[in-house]
Amino acid sequence: MHTIDLVLLVLLLGALTGIAARYLRAIPLPLIQIALGAALSWPQHGLHIRLDPTLFLALFIPPLLFADGWRIPKREFFSLRRPILRLAFGLVLFTVVGMGVLIHWLIPSMPLNVAFALAAVISPTDAVAVSAITRGQAMPAKTLHVLQGESLLNDASGLVALKFAVAATLTGSFSWWGAGREFLWVALGGTALGMLLGWGFGAAREAVTRRVGDVAATQMVLLLALLPFAAYMLGERIGVSGFLAAVAAGVTTNLADLRRSEFIVERMQTQGLWTMIETAFNGAIFLLLGLQLPAIIDTTLSQAGGLWWQPLTQVLLISVALLGFRWVWLTLGVRGSLMRAHEAGRMAERPSPLLTLATTLAGIRGAITLAGALSVPLLLPDGTPFPAREQLIFLAAGTILCTLLIASIGLPLVLRRLPPMGEPGALREERLARLAACRAAIAHLAEEPVADTASDPAQAAWRQEAMGRLTQDYRKRIDLLEDPVESHAPELQAEAPEAVRQRRLRYLLELELRLQTLRVERSALYAERQAQHINDESLRALVGEIDLAEVSLRKRLAVARSRTGQAGAAEDGKA
């Protein structure tokens, strides 16, 4: 199949599977994509492709790493840096060494260097797959942030370890001292390069957009989309980690965005760009895994002869051992730092055996593991095939499937046993920030100088009337944002529990009515456009305002419904 046809087909299937996942909520999206790819490739005359490993790695990984670095909450990332670093680097080293020795013992025919390469391939986790599985589940927010930070850094550290293992196989020599020194240069150099590129891009963008404003928003977003490829290619060219360069560039660019509050068009386009890139590229990788899977299975089973159960048993044992190594490291190496983060108030959830088990099961392998496996060279320098390459890819793909299946079944069961969390911390902070913004606006209106009534009495009256209306509007928004019980806690202490519940129900009813009226507004605007009373540009602007208001209101409504339900359950329990 032609490359263009293949790319278009993969993007199309990625979009269709994303829609299908909305109807098949019990099945994680990655499993649907893998199954569809395998179904298309399984028949003898099905869709068969062979990818260039170097092109595959350079095309898919840099934008995904950059997007992860750009999106991850920086406050949580830096406040939880100790457990994140211990997972991202300590656990990767523990996994590569321990699993490499175990794999070589389990499969003596696989050379030790190749076993270390396989261990490096399966060391990175996939936070996207975790989010797909835990959608609608009560995964603690801070734990999810730790998993995101771990996935962000261990993608790079695992791929750097893979680079060393492959180099050892190609050259036939390996030195721990040389590898350690090279790792420091590759890691620190890649991080410094990414920070420098991110800072340089931010400074150049600032100079341009301060002069021309949002007129150049589209061009700046396009340059931002090319930045991860530039960071990766430049890093690989000068001999440092292109993966860490892409990560560091994403983090630095996002920090520079904090000074750009007035560039609305650019910000909205950037959000949409990275959402589309993450969805398309993650979907493409899992679909490509499915397309490769039948050929990988056929080759592996033919090499195994009649012992078809042997490679399947190896996949299961490697997956279970991988999760076992993760549980040991969480229990012995990370639990202390998580406990200290909890005691310092940086982590709401206290470490517990159930939470440790949930974090263990969340160690799903995904896109980076597949990309790393497919990036292993086809040939050695002397022209002979890379030893056990097909077996390595089979075991890596099997580990992805096995960890996905284990997490799909086990993670929801464990999360249901965790205690209820109430209002998520991020939503509470968002609500309080909105309250602070409204109160700041009211304070600004109160500090406005009084107009001189002698010079223009009519204008002064209009000004006072406008300020009164604005203040009233902000006070209504404050009433909507404040919790009906928390904001009146002192006077509600004397009220009966049923009265408090009734107050919550009235508040919930008002939120639902507001949501209904927003939808009516939107329908009316579309009716105006269909009647040719407004044009498309006006429709997009007006509907965009309503969409933003509805997104905020739906979050608040979900929390209000949860709190009302919890209050009702508590009263039923007392009764």
Foldseek 3Di string as FASTA:
>chain_A
DDPVVLLVVLLVVLVVLVVVCVVVLLAFSLVSLLQVLQVQQQDPPGDADADALVCLLLPQQLLLLLLLLQPQDPVLCVLLVVLLCCLQAVLLVLQLVVQLVVLCVLPVLFDSLVSSLLSLLLSAFDLVSLCRLCPVFPQAPSLSSSNSSSNSRNLQVSLLSNVQSLVCLQVVDDDPVVSVVLQCCQQVVLLVLLLVLLVVLLVVVCVVCVVVPLPCLVVSLVVVSCSSSVSLVVSVVVRHHSSNSSSNSSNNNNVSCVVVVPRVVNVVVNVVVSVSSNSSSQSSLSSVLSNCQSVLLVVVCVVVPPPSVSLVVVLVVSLVVSLVSQLVCCVPPNLVSQQVCCVVVSGVDHDDPLSSNLSSLSRAHGRSSLSSLSSNDQAHPVRHGRPCSSSSNNSSSSSNVVSSVSCSPPNSVSSVPDDDDAQRPVLLVVLVVLLVVLVVVLVVLVPDDQDDCVVPVVVSVVSVVVSVVSNVVSVVVNVLSDDQCVVCVVVCVPPDLVVVLVSLVVSLVVLVVVLVVLVVVLVVLVVCVVVVVDDPVVNCVVNVVSVVVNVSSVSVSVSSVVVSVVSVVVVVVVD
